[in-house]
Amino acid sequence: MNARYPLTIFYDGACSVCSREMEHYRKVADQRVRFVDIAAVDFNAEGYGRSSDDFQRELHVCDADGCFYTGVEAFRKLWQALPSPFYPLLSMTVGLPGVNLAARTGYAIFARYRHLLPSSKKNVCTHAGSN
């Protein structure tokens, strides 16, 4: 099934690996892709018909028709939308049966334990110091 553009990529900006990877994709993406940080204070998961836990569990991509893709399939849809010929080829390769199984297994392990990674958000004191 082909996704309709634009795609909305829901990623966890508090995850150091996730935010670095999405920053890379932002640099190569065009108007067919937009990025939403689910760690932002104003993010409302219920506005998309999902819970915060759903979005925290794995990467989500939503196409222009409102169809959601998750996990490895979300990455494949993102890669198909990027203008470089490398990423659609990567998507096609990850779609191959043995490769897909390995990718889904690896991603499931990463997604399950990514909360153990250092946060990319810095704790910044926003009030004046006291004496």
C-alpha atoms as a PDB file:
ATOM      1  CA  MET A   1       0.000   0.000   0.000  1.00  0.00           C
ATOM      2  CA  ASN A   2       1.388   3.411  -0.950  1.00  0.00           C
ATOM      3  CA  ALA A   3       1.217   6.206   1.587  1.00  0.00           C
ATOM      4  CA  ARG A   4      -0.192   9.558   0.512  1.00  0.00           C
ATOM      5  CA  TYR A   5       1.808  12.690   1.262  1.00  0.00           C
ATOM      6  CA  PRO A   6       2.498  14.600   3.329  1.00  0.00           C
ATOM      7  CA  LEU A   7       3.648  12.172   6.009  1.00  0.00           C
ATOM      8  CA  THR A   8       3.720  13.175   9.651  1.00  0.00           C
ATOM      9  CA  ILE A   9       6.544  11.549  11.588  1.00  0.00           C
ATOM     10  CA  PHE A  10       5.934  11.254  15.334  1.00  0.00           C
ATOM     11  CA  TYR A  11       9.249  10.827  17.138  1.00  0.00           C
ATOM     12  CA  ASP A  12      10.477  11.085  20.719  1.00  0.00           C
ATOM     13  CA  GLY A  13      12.654  14.167  20.959  1.00  0.00           C
ATOM     14  CA  ALA A  14      13.669  13.167  24.501  1.00  0.00           C
ATOM     15  CA  CYS A  15      15.396  10.055  23.115  1.00  0.00           C
ATOM     16  CA  SER A  16      18.951  10.962  22.135  1.00  0.00           C
ATOM     17  CA  VAL A  17      19.152   8.373  19.343  1.00  0.00           C
ATOM     18  CA  CYS A  18      15.681   9.200  18.008  1.00  0.00           C
ATOM     19  CA  SER A  19      16.232  12.957  17.955  1.00  0.00           C
ATOM     20  CA  ARG A  20      19.636  12.650  16.247  1.00  0.00           C
ATOM     21  CA  GLU A  21      18.207  10.365  13.590  1.00  0.00           C
ATOM     22  CA  MET A  22      15.223  12.643  12.928  1.00  0.00           C
ATOM     23  CA  GLU A  23      17.535  15.647  12.724  1.00  0.00           C
ATOM     24  CA  HIS A  24      19.369  13.838   9.930  1.00  0.00           C
ATOM     25  CA  TYR A  25      16.098  13.095   8.111  1.00  0.00           C
ATOM     26  CA  ARG A  26      14.999  16.731   8.475  1.00  0.00           C
ATOM     27  CA  LYS A  27      18.110  17.774   6.556  1.00  0.00           C
ATOM     28  CA  VAL A  28      17.290  15.528   3.588  1.00  0.00           C
ATOM     29  CA  ALA A  29      13.466  15.681   3.665  1.00  0.00           C
ATOM     30  CA  ASP A  30      11.302  17.898   1.520  1.00  0.00           C
ATOM     31  CA  GLN A  31       7.721  19.171   1.875  1.00  0.00           C
ATOM     32  CA  ARG A  32       6.368  15.606   1.785  1.00  0.00           C
ATOM     33  CA  VAL A  33       7.499  15.039   5.373  1.00  0.00           C
ATOM     34  CA  ARG A  34       6.773  16.890   8.590  1.00  0.00           C
ATOM     35  CA  PHE A  35       8.075  16.059  12.051  1.00  0.00           C
ATOM     36  CA  VAL A  36       6.219  16.117  15.371  1.00  0.00           C
ATOM     37  CA  ASP A  37       8.086  15.733  18.663  1.00  0.00           C
ATOM     38  CA  ILE A  38       5.931  13.655  21.006  1.00  0.00           C
ATOM     39  CA  ALA A  39       8.040  14.850  23.956  1.00  0.00           C
ATOM     40  CA  ALA A  40       6.975  18.468  23.384  1.00  0.00           C
ATOM     41  CA  VAL A  41       4.841  19.862  26.203  1.00  0.00           C
ATOM     42  CA  ASP A  42       2.043  20.794  23.816  1.00  0.00           C
ATOM     43  CA  PHE A  43       1.835  17.394  22.096  1.00  0.00           C
ATOM     44  CA  ASN A  44      -1.671  15.906  22.411  1.00  0.00           C
ATOM     45  CA  ALA A  45      -1.694  12.198  21.510  1.00  0.00           C
ATOM     46  CA  GLU A  46      -5.461  11.938  21.939  1.00  0.00           C
ATOM     47  CA  GLY A  47      -5.872  14.543  19.195  1.00  0.00           C
ATOM     48  CA  TYR A  48      -4.559  11.865  16.836  1.00  0.00           C
ATOM     49  CA  GLY A  49      -6.771   9.113  18.265  1.00  0.00           C
ATOM     50  CA  ARG A  50      -3.882   7.443  20.085  1.00  0.00           C
ATOM     51  CA  SER A  51      -2.562   7.379  23.615  1.00  0.00           C
ATOM     52  CA  SER A  52       0.787   8.793  24.727  1.00  0.00           C
ATOM     53  CA  ASP A  53       1.842   5.227  25.531  1.00  0.00           C
ATOM     54  CA  ASP A  54       1.087   4.193  21.939  1.00  0.00           C
ATOM     55  CA  PHE A  55       3.364   6.927  20.600  1.00  0.00           C
ATOM     56  CA  GLN A  56       6.064   6.153  23.187  1.00  0.00           C
ATOM     57  CA  ARG A  57       6.077   2.463  22.298  1.00  0.00           C
ATOM     58  CA  GLU A  58       7.369   2.886  18.729  1.00  0.00           C
ATOM     59  CA  LEU A  59       7.814   5.309  15.850  1.00  0.00           C
ATOM     60  CA  HIS A  60       4.538   6.358  14.219  1.00  0.00           C
ATOM     61  CA  VAL A  61       3.979   7.784  10.746  1.00  0.00           C
ATOM     62  CA  CYS A  62       0.605   9.072   9.578  1.00  0.00           C
ATOM     63  CA  ASP A  63      -0.118   9.700   5.906  1.00  0.00           C
ATOM     64  CA  ALA A  64      -2.430  12.298   4.353  1.00  0.00           C
ATOM     65  CA  ASP A  65      -5.357   9.836   4.495  1.00  0.00           C
ATOM     66  CA  GLY A  66      -4.916   9.369   8.262  1.00  0.00           C
ATOM     67  CA  CYS A  67      -3.455   5.872   7.888  1.00  0.00           C
ATOM     68  CA  PHE A  68      -0.903   5.054  10.602  1.00  0.00           C
ATOM     69  CA  TYR A  69       2.227   2.950  10.162  1.00  0.00           C
ATOM     70  CA  THR A  70       4.352   1.915  13.137  1.00  0.00           C
ATOM     71  CA  GLY A  71       7.796   0.540  13.885  1.00  0.00           C
ATOM     72  CA  VAL A  72       9.793  -0.700  10.918  1.00  0.00           C
ATOM     73  CA  GLU A  73       6.878  -0.026   8.538  1.00  0.00           C
ATOM     74  CA  ALA A  74       6.907   3.606   9.697  1.00  0.00           C
ATOM     75  CA  PHE A  75      10.590   3.858   8.829  1.00  0.00           C
ATOM     76  CA  ARG A  76       9.940   2.277   5.430  1.00  0.00           C
ATOM     77  CA  LYS A  77       7.256   4.891   4.649  1.00  0.00           C
ATOM     78  CA  LEU A  78       9.584   7.681   5.771  1.00  0.00           C
ATOM     79  CA  TRP A  79      12.429   6.343   3.643  1.00  0.00           C
ATOM     80  CA  GLN A  80      10.141   6.075   0.598  1.00  0.00           C
ATOM     81  CA  ALA A  81       9.330   9.776   0.971  1.00  0.00           C
ATOM     82  CA  LEU A  82      12.916  11.002   1.060  1.00  0.00           C
ATOM     83  CA  PRO A  83      14.265  12.382  -2.228  1.00  0.00           C
ATOM     84  CA  SER A  84      17.623  10.593  -2.183  1.00  0.00           C
ATOM     85  CA  PRO A  85      17.616   7.320  -4.182  1.00  0.00           C
ATOM     86  CA  PHE A  86      19.402   5.594  -1.270  1.00  0.00           C
ATOM     87  CA  TYR A  87      16.427   5.683   1.103  1.00  0.00           C
ATOM     88  CA  PRO A  88      13.789   4.152  -1.200  1.00  0.00           C
ATOM     89  CA  LEU A  89      16.305   1.392  -1.945  1.00  0.00           C
ATOM     90  CA  LEU A  90      16.802   0.899   1.802  1.00  0.00           C
ATOM     91  CA  SER A  91      13.020   0.696   2.234  1.00  0.00           C
ATOM     92  CA  MET A  92      12.773  -1.927  -0.480  1.00  0.00           C
ATOM     93  CA  THR A  93      15.635  -3.942   1.038  1.00  0.00           C
ATOM     94  CA  VAL A  94      14.095  -3.838   4.527  1.00  0.00           C
ATOM     95  CA  GLY A  95      10.860  -5.095   2.956  1.00  0.00           C
ATOM     96  CA  LEU A  96      12.496  -8.378   1.952  1.00  0.00           C
ATOM     97  CA  PRO A  97      11.220 -11.248   4.134  1.00  0.00           C
ATOM     98  CA  GLY A  98      14.411 -12.226   5.987  1.00  0.00           C
ATOM     99  CA  VAL A  99      15.682  -8.666   6.243  1.00  0.00           C
ATOM    100  CA  ASN A 100      12.270  -7.471   7.430  1.00  0.00           C
ATOM    101  CA  LEU A 101      12.153 -10.066  10.191  1.00  0.00           C
ATOM    102  CA  ALA A 102      15.643  -9.084  11.365  1.00  0.00           C
ATOM    103  CA  ALA A 103      14.771  -5.370  11.224  1.00  0.00           C
ATOM    104  CA  ARG A 104      11.516  -5.860  13.161  1.00  0.00           C
ATOM    105  CA  THR A 105      13.314  -7.952  15.786  1.00  0.00           C
ATOM    106  CA  GLY A 106      16.141  -5.436  16.168  1.00  0.00           C
ATOM    107  CA  TYR A 107      13.755  -2.491  16.307  1.00  0.00           C
ATOM    108  CA  ALA A 108      11.540  -4.224  18.892  1.00  0.00           C
ATOM    109  CA  ILE A 109      14.569  -4.680  21.147  1.00  0.00           C
ATOM    110  CA  PHE A 110      15.683  -1.064  20.649  1.00  0.00           C
ATOM    111  CA  ALA A 111      12.173   0.306  21.248  1.00  0.00           C
ATOM    112  CA  ARG A 112      11.758  -1.781  24.387  1.00  0.00           C
ATOM    113  CA  TYR A 113      14.995  -0.564  25.978  1.00  0.00           C
ATOM    114  CA  ARG A 114      15.522   2.918  24.499  1.00  0.00           C
ATOM    115  CA  HIS A 115      14.268   4.501  27.720  1.00  0.00           C
ATOM    116  CA  LEU A 116      17.582   3.411  29.253  1.00  0.00           C
ATOM    117  CA  LEU A 117      19.502   5.706  26.882  1.00  0.00           C
ATOM    118  CA  PRO A 118      20.531   9.187  28.021  1.00  0.00           C
ATOM    119  CA  SER A 119      17.911  11.860  27.386  1.00  0.00           C
ATOM    120  CA  SER A 120      18.569  14.468  24.719  1.00  0.00           C
ATOM    121  CA  LYS A 121      16.678  17.095  26.733  1.00  0.00           C
ATOM    122  CA  LYS A 122      18.842  19.122  29.065  1.00  0.00           C
ATOM    123  CA  ASN A 123      17.565  20.028  32.504  1.00  0.00           C
ATOM    124  CA  VAL A 124      17.702  23.781  32.419  1.00  0.00           C
ATOM    125  CA  CYS A 125      16.800  25.899  35.401  1.00  0.00           C
ATOM    126  CA  THR A 126      14.310  28.524  34.222  1.00  0.00           C
ATOM    127  CA  HIS A 127      14.016  30.568  37.417  1.00  0.00           C
ATOM    128  CA  ALA A 128      16.387  33.002  39.040  1.00  0.00           C
ATOM    129  CA  GLY A 129      18.751  31.536  41.596  1.00  0.00           C
ATOM    130  CA  SER A 130      18.018  32.138  45.252  1.00  0.00           C
ATOM    131  CA  ASN A 131      20.448  33.447  47.827  1.00  0.00           C
END
